[in-house]
N, C-alpha and C. Protein backbone atom coordinates (compact mmCIF):
# COMPACT_ATOMS: atom_id res chain seq x y z
N UNK A 1 3.77 -8.00 -1.52
CA UNK A 1 3.88 -8.37 -0.12
C UNK A 1 3.60 -7.17 0.78
N UNK A 2 4.11 -6.00 0.37
CA UNK A 2 3.90 -4.79 1.17
C UNK A 2 2.42 -4.46 1.26
N UNK A 3 1.69 -4.70 0.17
CA UNK A 3 0.25 -4.41 0.17
C UNK A 3 -0.49 -5.32 1.15
N UNK A 4 -0.09 -6.59 1.22
CA UNK A 4 -0.71 -7.51 2.18
C UNK A 4 -0.43 -7.08 3.62
N UNK A 5 0.80 -6.68 3.87
CA UNK A 5 1.17 -6.23 5.22
C UNK A 5 0.38 -4.97 5.59
N UNK A 6 0.30 -4.03 4.65
CA UNK A 6 -0.46 -2.80 4.90
C UNK A 6 -1.93 -3.11 5.15
N UNK A 7 -2.52 -3.98 4.33
CA UNK A 7 -3.93 -4.35 4.50
C UNK A 7 -4.14 -4.99 5.87
N UNK A 8 -3.24 -5.89 6.27
CA UNK A 8 -3.35 -6.52 7.59
C UNK A 8 -3.24 -5.51 8.72
N UNK A 9 -2.32 -4.58 8.59
CA UNK A 9 -2.14 -3.54 9.60
C UNK A 9 -3.38 -2.66 9.71
N UNK A 10 -3.94 -2.25 8.56
CA UNK A 10 -5.15 -1.41 8.56
C UNK A 10 -6.34 -2.17 9.14
N UNK A 11 -6.42 -3.46 8.85
CA UNK A 11 -7.50 -4.28 9.41
C UNK A 11 -7.37 -4.37 10.93
N UNK A 12 -6.16 -4.65 11.42
CA UNK A 12 -5.95 -4.76 12.87
C UNK A 12 -6.24 -3.44 13.59
N UNK A 13 -5.93 -2.34 12.97
CA UNK A 13 -6.17 -1.02 13.57
C UNK A 13 -7.61 -0.54 13.37
N UNK A 14 -8.42 -1.39 12.73
CA UNK A 14 -9.83 -1.11 12.44
C UNK A 14 -10.03 0.17 11.63
N UNK A 15 -9.08 0.43 10.72
CA UNK A 15 -9.18 1.57 9.80
C UNK A 15 -9.99 1.20 8.56
N UNK A 16 -9.98 -0.10 8.24
CA UNK A 16 -10.77 -0.63 7.13
C UNK A 16 -11.41 -1.93 7.59
N UNK A 17 -12.39 -2.38 6.79
CA UNK A 17 -13.01 -3.67 7.06
C UNK A 17 -12.55 -4.66 5.99
N UNK A 18 -12.81 -5.93 6.23
CA UNK A 18 -12.29 -6.98 5.35
C UNK A 18 -12.65 -6.77 3.87
N UNK A 19 -13.92 -6.45 3.54
CA UNK A 19 -14.22 -6.25 2.10
C UNK A 19 -13.39 -5.12 1.47
N UNK A 20 -13.07 -4.08 2.22
CA UNK A 20 -12.23 -3.02 1.68
C UNK A 20 -10.82 -3.53 1.40
N UNK A 21 -10.30 -4.34 2.31
CA UNK A 21 -8.96 -4.91 2.11
C UNK A 21 -8.93 -5.77 0.86
N UNK A 22 -9.95 -6.60 0.69
CA UNK A 22 -10.02 -7.47 -0.49
C UNK A 22 -10.10 -6.62 -1.76
N UNK A 23 -10.96 -5.61 -1.77
CA UNK A 23 -11.10 -4.76 -2.95
C UNK A 23 -9.82 -4.00 -3.25
N UNK A 24 -9.13 -3.55 -2.21
CA UNK A 24 -7.86 -2.86 -2.42
C UNK A 24 -6.82 -3.76 -3.06
N UNK A 25 -6.74 -5.00 -2.59
CA UNK A 25 -5.79 -5.94 -3.16
C UNK A 25 -6.18 -6.33 -4.58
N UNK A 26 -7.48 -6.50 -4.83
CA UNK A 26 -7.94 -6.80 -6.19
C UNK A 26 -7.63 -5.64 -7.13
N UNK A 27 -7.82 -4.42 -6.66
CA UNK A 27 -7.54 -3.25 -7.49
C UNK A 27 -6.04 -3.17 -7.79
N UNK A 28 -5.22 -3.45 -6.83
CA UNK A 28 -3.77 -3.43 -7.03
C UNK A 28 -3.35 -4.47 -8.08
N UNK A 29 -3.90 -5.67 -7.99
CA UNK A 29 -3.60 -6.72 -8.96
C UNK A 29 -4.09 -6.31 -10.35
N UNK A 30 -5.31 -5.77 -10.40
CA UNK A 30 -5.89 -5.33 -11.67
C UNK A 30 -5.01 -4.26 -12.32
N UNK A 31 -4.59 -3.26 -11.53
CA UNK A 31 -3.78 -2.18 -12.09
C UNK A 31 -2.40 -2.68 -12.54
N UNK A 32 -1.86 -3.67 -11.84
CA UNK A 32 -0.59 -4.26 -12.27
C UNK A 32 -0.75 -4.92 -13.65
N UNK A 33 -1.86 -5.59 -13.85
CA UNK A 33 -2.14 -6.23 -15.15
C UNK A 33 -2.32 -5.16 -16.22
N UNK A 34 -3.07 -4.10 -15.90
CA UNK A 34 -3.30 -3.02 -16.87
C UNK A 34 -1.98 -2.36 -17.25
N UNK A 35 -1.16 -2.01 -16.27
CA UNK A 35 0.12 -1.37 -16.58
C UNK A 35 1.04 -2.33 -17.34
N UNK A 36 0.98 -3.59 -16.97
CA UNK A 36 1.78 -4.57 -17.70
C UNK A 36 1.40 -4.63 -19.16
N UNK A 37 0.10 -4.67 -19.44
CA UNK A 37 -0.34 -4.83 -20.82
C UNK A 37 -0.27 -3.54 -21.64
N UNK A 38 -0.35 -2.40 -20.98
CA UNK A 38 -0.36 -1.14 -21.74
C UNK A 38 1.00 -0.45 -21.79
N UNK A 39 1.91 -0.85 -20.91
CA UNK A 39 3.22 -0.18 -20.87
C UNK A 39 4.37 -1.18 -20.90
N UNK A 40 4.45 -2.05 -19.91
CA UNK A 40 5.68 -2.78 -19.67
C UNK A 40 5.91 -4.00 -20.55
N UNK A 41 4.89 -4.55 -21.18
CA UNK A 41 5.12 -5.69 -22.08
C UNK A 41 5.29 -5.25 -23.52
N UNK A 42 5.14 -3.97 -23.80
CA UNK A 42 5.30 -3.46 -25.16
C UNK A 42 6.78 -3.22 -25.45
N UNK A 43 7.14 -3.45 -26.70
CA UNK A 43 8.51 -3.16 -27.11
C UNK A 43 8.67 -1.66 -27.31
N UNK A 44 9.79 -1.11 -26.85
CA UNK A 44 9.99 0.33 -27.03
C UNK A 44 10.21 0.69 -28.50
N UNK A 45 9.71 1.85 -28.86
CA UNK A 45 9.92 2.35 -30.22
C UNK A 45 11.19 3.18 -30.29
N UNK A 46 11.43 3.74 -31.47
CA UNK A 46 12.63 4.56 -31.67
C UNK A 46 12.42 6.01 -31.25
N UNK A 47 11.16 6.42 -31.19
CA UNK A 47 10.89 7.82 -30.85
C UNK A 47 9.61 7.89 -30.02
N UNK A 48 9.42 9.04 -29.41
CA UNK A 48 8.20 9.26 -28.63
C UNK A 48 7.06 9.61 -29.58
N UNK A 49 5.91 8.94 -29.38
CA UNK A 49 4.75 9.17 -30.24
C UNK A 49 3.66 9.86 -29.45
N UNK A 50 3.05 10.84 -30.04
CA UNK A 50 1.96 11.53 -29.37
C UNK A 50 0.99 12.11 -30.38
N UNK A 51 -0.24 12.25 -29.96
CA UNK A 51 -1.30 12.89 -30.75
C UNK A 51 -2.00 13.85 -29.80
N UNK A 52 -1.80 15.14 -30.02
CA UNK A 52 -2.31 16.14 -29.09
C UNK A 52 -3.67 16.72 -29.49
N UNK A 53 -4.17 16.35 -30.66
CA UNK A 53 -5.48 16.85 -31.09
C UNK A 53 -6.58 16.11 -30.32
N UNK A 54 -7.43 16.87 -29.67
CA UNK A 54 -8.51 16.29 -28.88
C UNK A 54 -9.57 15.67 -29.81
N UNK A 55 -9.98 14.47 -29.50
CA UNK A 55 -11.00 13.71 -30.25
C UNK A 55 -10.58 13.39 -31.69
N UNK A 56 -9.28 13.30 -31.92
CA UNK A 56 -8.80 12.95 -33.26
C UNK A 56 -9.31 11.58 -33.68
N UNK A 57 -9.39 10.66 -32.71
CA UNK A 57 -9.82 9.29 -33.05
C UNK A 57 -11.28 9.26 -33.49
N UNK A 58 -12.11 10.06 -32.85
CA UNK A 58 -13.53 10.09 -33.22
C UNK A 58 -13.73 10.77 -34.57
N UNK A 59 -12.88 11.73 -34.89
CA UNK A 59 -12.96 12.36 -36.22
C UNK A 59 -12.70 11.31 -37.29
N UNK A 60 -11.71 10.45 -37.06
CA UNK A 60 -11.42 9.38 -38.02
C UNK A 60 -12.54 8.34 -38.06
N UNK A 61 -13.13 8.05 -36.90
CA UNK A 61 -14.24 7.09 -36.86
C UNK A 61 -15.42 7.64 -37.65
N UNK A 62 -15.75 8.91 -37.43
CA UNK A 62 -16.94 9.50 -38.05
C UNK A 62 -16.72 9.82 -39.52
N UNK A 63 -15.61 10.48 -39.84
CA UNK A 63 -15.42 10.95 -41.21
C UNK A 63 -14.73 9.95 -42.13
N UNK A 64 -13.97 9.02 -41.57
CA UNK A 64 -13.29 8.03 -42.40
C UNK A 64 -13.81 6.61 -42.15
N UNK A 65 -14.84 6.47 -41.29
CA UNK A 65 -15.42 5.18 -40.94
C UNK A 65 -14.35 4.17 -40.50
N UNK A 66 -13.43 4.61 -39.67
CA UNK A 66 -12.34 3.73 -39.21
C UNK A 66 -12.86 2.75 -38.16
N UNK A 67 -13.10 1.52 -38.58
CA UNK A 67 -13.57 0.48 -37.66
C UNK A 67 -12.52 0.11 -36.62
N UNK A 68 -11.22 0.01 -37.01
CA UNK A 68 -10.22 -0.30 -35.98
C UNK A 68 -10.15 0.75 -34.87
N UNK A 69 -10.27 2.03 -35.22
CA UNK A 69 -10.25 3.06 -34.19
C UNK A 69 -11.52 3.04 -33.34
N UNK A 70 -12.65 2.72 -33.94
CA UNK A 70 -13.88 2.59 -33.16
C UNK A 70 -13.71 1.48 -32.13
N UNK A 71 -13.18 0.35 -32.57
CA UNK A 71 -12.94 -0.79 -31.67
C UNK A 71 -11.96 -0.39 -30.56
N UNK A 72 -10.88 0.30 -30.92
CA UNK A 72 -9.89 0.74 -29.92
C UNK A 72 -10.51 1.70 -28.91
N UNK A 73 -11.32 2.65 -29.39
CA UNK A 73 -11.99 3.60 -28.49
C UNK A 73 -12.90 2.88 -27.50
N UNK A 74 -13.67 1.93 -28.01
CA UNK A 74 -14.59 1.19 -27.14
C UNK A 74 -13.83 0.32 -26.14
N UNK A 75 -12.75 -0.30 -26.60
CA UNK A 75 -11.94 -1.12 -25.68
C UNK A 75 -11.27 -0.26 -24.61
N UNK A 76 -10.89 0.96 -24.98
CA UNK A 76 -10.32 1.87 -23.99
C UNK A 76 -11.37 2.27 -22.95
N UNK A 77 -12.62 2.35 -23.34
CA UNK A 77 -13.68 2.64 -22.37
C UNK A 77 -13.88 1.47 -21.42
N UNK A 78 -13.72 0.27 -21.93
CA UNK A 78 -13.91 -0.94 -21.12
C UNK A 78 -12.71 -1.19 -20.19
N UNK A 79 -11.54 -0.70 -20.58
CA UNK A 79 -10.30 -1.03 -19.86
C UNK A 79 -10.37 -0.76 -18.36
N UNK A 80 -10.83 0.41 -17.96
CA UNK A 80 -10.85 0.75 -16.54
C UNK A 80 -12.24 0.61 -15.89
N UNK A 81 -13.16 -0.02 -16.61
CA UNK A 81 -14.49 -0.29 -16.05
C UNK A 81 -14.40 -1.11 -14.76
N UNK A 82 -13.58 -2.19 -14.72
CA UNK A 82 -13.49 -2.96 -13.47
C UNK A 82 -12.97 -2.13 -12.29
N UNK A 83 -12.06 -1.22 -12.57
CA UNK A 83 -11.57 -0.33 -11.51
C UNK A 83 -12.74 0.46 -10.92
N UNK A 84 -13.57 1.00 -11.80
CA UNK A 84 -14.73 1.76 -11.35
C UNK A 84 -15.69 0.92 -10.51
N UNK A 85 -15.87 -0.34 -10.89
CA UNK A 85 -16.74 -1.23 -10.11
C UNK A 85 -16.22 -1.42 -8.69
N UNK A 86 -14.90 -1.49 -8.53
CA UNK A 86 -14.31 -1.73 -7.22
C UNK A 86 -14.29 -0.50 -6.32
N UNK A 87 -14.26 0.69 -6.90
CA UNK A 87 -14.07 1.90 -6.10
C UNK A 87 -15.09 2.10 -4.97
N UNK A 88 -16.40 1.94 -5.20
CA UNK A 88 -17.33 2.13 -4.08
C UNK A 88 -17.09 1.16 -2.93
N UNK A 89 -16.66 -0.04 -3.25
CA UNK A 89 -16.40 -1.05 -2.22
C UNK A 89 -15.06 -0.79 -1.52
N UNK A 90 -14.13 -0.21 -2.25
CA UNK A 90 -12.85 0.16 -1.66
C UNK A 90 -13.03 1.32 -0.66
N UNK A 91 -13.76 2.35 -1.07
CA UNK A 91 -13.99 3.51 -0.20
C UNK A 91 -15.16 3.30 0.76
N UNK A 92 -15.90 2.23 0.55
CA UNK A 92 -17.06 1.82 1.36
C UNK A 92 -18.13 2.91 1.39
N UNK A 93 -18.35 3.49 0.20
CA UNK A 93 -19.42 4.46 0.02
C UNK A 93 -19.60 4.70 -1.47
N UNK A 94 -20.78 5.19 -1.81
CA UNK A 94 -21.05 5.52 -3.21
C UNK A 94 -20.23 6.75 -3.57
N UNK A 95 -19.60 6.72 -4.74
CA UNK A 95 -18.81 7.85 -5.22
C UNK A 95 -19.55 8.56 -6.34
N UNK A 96 -19.31 9.84 -6.49
CA UNK A 96 -19.94 10.60 -7.57
C UNK A 96 -19.37 10.15 -8.92
N UNK A 97 -20.13 10.38 -9.96
CA UNK A 97 -19.66 10.04 -11.30
C UNK A 97 -18.43 10.88 -11.63
N UNK A 98 -18.36 12.11 -11.12
CA UNK A 98 -17.20 12.97 -11.36
C UNK A 98 -15.92 12.35 -10.78
N UNK A 99 -16.04 11.87 -9.55
CA UNK A 99 -14.87 11.26 -8.89
C UNK A 99 -14.44 10.00 -9.65
N UNK A 100 -15.40 9.19 -10.10
CA UNK A 100 -15.07 8.01 -10.89
C UNK A 100 -14.33 8.39 -12.17
N UNK A 101 -14.84 9.42 -12.85
CA UNK A 101 -14.18 9.88 -14.08
C UNK A 101 -12.77 10.38 -13.78
N UNK A 102 -12.64 11.21 -12.75
CA UNK A 102 -11.32 11.80 -12.43
C UNK A 102 -10.30 10.74 -12.02
N UNK A 103 -10.73 9.77 -11.22
CA UNK A 103 -9.80 8.71 -10.82
C UNK A 103 -9.36 7.87 -12.02
N UNK A 104 -10.30 7.56 -12.90
CA UNK A 104 -9.96 6.81 -14.11
C UNK A 104 -9.05 7.61 -15.03
N UNK A 105 -9.35 8.89 -15.21
CA UNK A 105 -8.51 9.74 -16.06
C UNK A 105 -7.12 9.92 -15.46
N UNK A 106 -7.03 9.98 -14.14
CA UNK A 106 -5.73 10.12 -13.48
C UNK A 106 -4.88 8.87 -13.69
N UNK A 107 -5.47 7.70 -13.50
CA UNK A 107 -4.73 6.45 -13.74
C UNK A 107 -4.30 6.39 -15.21
N UNK A 108 -5.20 6.76 -16.09
CA UNK A 108 -4.90 6.75 -17.52
C UNK A 108 -3.79 7.75 -17.85
N UNK A 109 -3.78 8.90 -17.19
CA UNK A 109 -2.73 9.88 -17.43
C UNK A 109 -1.36 9.31 -17.06
N UNK A 110 -1.30 8.56 -15.97
CA UNK A 110 -0.03 7.92 -15.58
C UNK A 110 0.40 6.92 -16.65
N UNK A 111 -0.55 6.14 -17.15
CA UNK A 111 -0.25 5.18 -18.23
C UNK A 111 0.28 5.92 -19.45
N UNK A 112 -0.42 6.97 -19.86
CA UNK A 112 -0.04 7.72 -21.06
C UNK A 112 1.34 8.35 -20.92
N UNK A 113 1.64 8.92 -19.76
CA UNK A 113 2.95 9.53 -19.54
C UNK A 113 4.04 8.46 -19.55
N UNK A 114 3.76 7.31 -18.94
CA UNK A 114 4.72 6.19 -18.99
C UNK A 114 4.97 5.76 -20.43
N UNK A 115 3.91 5.65 -21.22
CA UNK A 115 4.06 5.26 -22.62
C UNK A 115 4.91 6.28 -23.37
N UNK A 116 4.69 7.55 -23.10
CA UNK A 116 5.45 8.60 -23.78
C UNK A 116 6.92 8.57 -23.37
N UNK A 117 7.17 8.55 -22.08
CA UNK A 117 8.55 8.61 -21.59
C UNK A 117 9.35 7.37 -21.94
N UNK A 118 8.69 6.21 -21.90
CA UNK A 118 9.38 4.95 -22.18
C UNK A 118 9.31 4.54 -23.65
N UNK A 119 8.67 5.39 -24.47
CA UNK A 119 8.52 5.14 -25.92
C UNK A 119 7.81 3.82 -26.19
N UNK A 120 6.71 3.59 -25.47
CA UNK A 120 6.00 2.31 -25.58
C UNK A 120 4.54 2.47 -25.96
N UNK A 121 4.24 3.45 -26.76
CA UNK A 121 2.87 3.63 -27.20
C UNK A 121 2.62 5.08 -27.55
N UNK A 122 1.40 5.35 -27.93
CA UNK A 122 1.00 6.68 -28.37
C UNK A 122 0.38 7.43 -27.20
N UNK A 123 0.97 8.56 -26.83
CA UNK A 123 0.36 9.44 -25.84
C UNK A 123 -0.77 10.19 -26.52
N UNK A 124 -1.97 10.12 -25.90
CA UNK A 124 -3.11 10.84 -26.48
C UNK A 124 -4.14 11.16 -25.42
N UNK A 125 -4.77 12.31 -25.58
CA UNK A 125 -5.81 12.76 -24.66
C UNK A 125 -7.04 11.87 -24.77
N UNK A 126 -7.33 11.40 -25.98
CA UNK A 126 -8.53 10.59 -26.20
C UNK A 126 -8.55 9.36 -25.29
N UNK A 127 -7.41 8.69 -25.13
CA UNK A 127 -7.36 7.52 -24.26
C UNK A 127 -7.71 7.88 -22.82
N UNK A 128 -7.22 9.02 -22.36
CA UNK A 128 -7.51 9.43 -20.98
C UNK A 128 -9.01 9.67 -20.80
N UNK A 129 -9.63 10.26 -21.80
CA UNK A 129 -11.08 10.51 -21.74
C UNK A 129 -11.83 9.19 -21.78
N UNK A 130 -11.45 8.32 -22.70
CA UNK A 130 -12.15 7.03 -22.83
C UNK A 130 -11.99 6.19 -21.56
N UNK A 131 -10.77 6.11 -21.03
CA UNK A 131 -10.54 5.35 -19.80
C UNK A 131 -11.32 5.96 -18.65
N UNK A 132 -11.34 7.29 -18.57
CA UNK A 132 -12.11 7.97 -17.52
C UNK A 132 -13.59 7.67 -17.62
N UNK A 133 -14.11 7.66 -18.84
CA UNK A 133 -15.54 7.34 -19.03
C UNK A 133 -15.86 5.91 -18.61
N UNK A 134 -14.97 4.99 -18.93
CA UNK A 134 -15.18 3.60 -18.54
C UNK A 134 -15.15 3.43 -17.03
N UNK A 135 -14.19 4.08 -16.38
CA UNK A 135 -14.11 4.02 -14.92
C UNK A 135 -15.35 4.66 -14.30
N UNK A 136 -15.80 5.78 -14.88
CA UNK A 136 -16.99 6.46 -14.40
C UNK A 136 -18.21 5.55 -14.49
N UNK A 137 -18.38 4.87 -15.62
CA UNK A 137 -19.52 3.95 -15.79
C UNK A 137 -19.45 2.81 -14.77
N UNK A 138 -18.26 2.25 -14.58
CA UNK A 138 -18.09 1.19 -13.59
C UNK A 138 -18.40 1.69 -12.19
N UNK A 139 -17.97 2.90 -11.89
CA UNK A 139 -18.20 3.49 -10.58
C UNK A 139 -19.70 3.72 -10.33
N UNK A 140 -20.41 4.15 -11.37
CA UNK A 140 -21.85 4.37 -11.23
C UNK A 140 -22.58 3.04 -10.98
N UNK A 141 -22.23 2.02 -11.73
CA UNK A 141 -22.86 0.71 -11.55
C UNK A 141 -22.42 0.12 -10.21
N UNK A 142 -21.14 0.25 -9.88
CA UNK A 142 -20.66 -0.23 -8.58
C UNK A 142 -21.36 0.46 -7.43
N UNK A 143 -21.66 1.76 -7.59
CA UNK A 143 -22.38 2.50 -6.55
C UNK A 143 -23.78 1.95 -6.33
N UNK A 144 -24.44 1.62 -7.43
CA UNK A 144 -25.79 1.02 -7.32
C UNK A 144 -25.70 -0.33 -6.62
N UNK A 145 -24.73 -1.15 -7.03
CA UNK A 145 -24.55 -2.47 -6.39
C UNK A 145 -24.21 -2.31 -4.91
N UNK A 146 -23.38 -1.33 -4.59
CA UNK A 146 -23.00 -1.08 -3.20
C UNK A 146 -24.24 -0.74 -2.37
N UNK A 147 -25.10 0.15 -2.89
CA UNK A 147 -26.31 0.52 -2.16
C UNK A 147 -27.24 -0.68 -1.98
N UNK A 148 -27.37 -1.50 -3.00
CA UNK A 148 -28.22 -2.69 -2.91
C UNK A 148 -27.68 -3.64 -1.84
N UNK A 149 -26.38 -3.91 -1.87
CA UNK A 149 -25.79 -4.81 -0.88
C UNK A 149 -25.88 -4.25 0.54
N UNK A 150 -25.72 -2.95 0.69
CA UNK A 150 -25.82 -2.34 2.02
C UNK A 150 -27.26 -2.44 2.56
N UNK A 151 -28.25 -2.29 1.68
CA UNK A 151 -29.65 -2.43 2.07
C UNK A 151 -29.95 -3.87 2.49
N UNK A 152 -29.35 -4.82 1.81
CA UNK A 152 -29.59 -6.22 2.11
C UNK A 152 -28.99 -6.58 3.48
N UNK A 153 -27.97 -5.86 3.92
CA UNK A 153 -27.36 -6.11 5.23
C UNK A 153 -28.29 -5.73 6.38
N UNK A 154 -29.12 -4.74 6.15
CA UNK A 154 -29.98 -4.21 7.24
C UNK A 154 -31.27 -4.92 7.34
């Protein structure tokens, strides 16, 4: 409810335009679903789990041919792709691939820390990188779509 009130207030003050308000609300709903599925609907474990070795999952994929980890890595890349698609429309400008990666990695870092603190999953750097890459890819494609739509307006 607070998000709707804020969006309405920003619209009335002409700080944002309607498509930005819609994208902001969609992003908020999307992130609520992501946090729900990655943190809050999981049963807590008995201890905090973490893997601090960078690219440990890819080592298992390459050297042990772990298909489940390959699938998990790819799904983690897809997880924040929709967020990346929305970002150019939310900010109403094309964003750099770096910014898309950093925003995705930052959201993923919050997820990972929540999982660690609440004992609801494995804290790992690989997930942050994979989520960041997915958000970056979405942001790059969203940027192209944003430019196309802006050209069509003129």
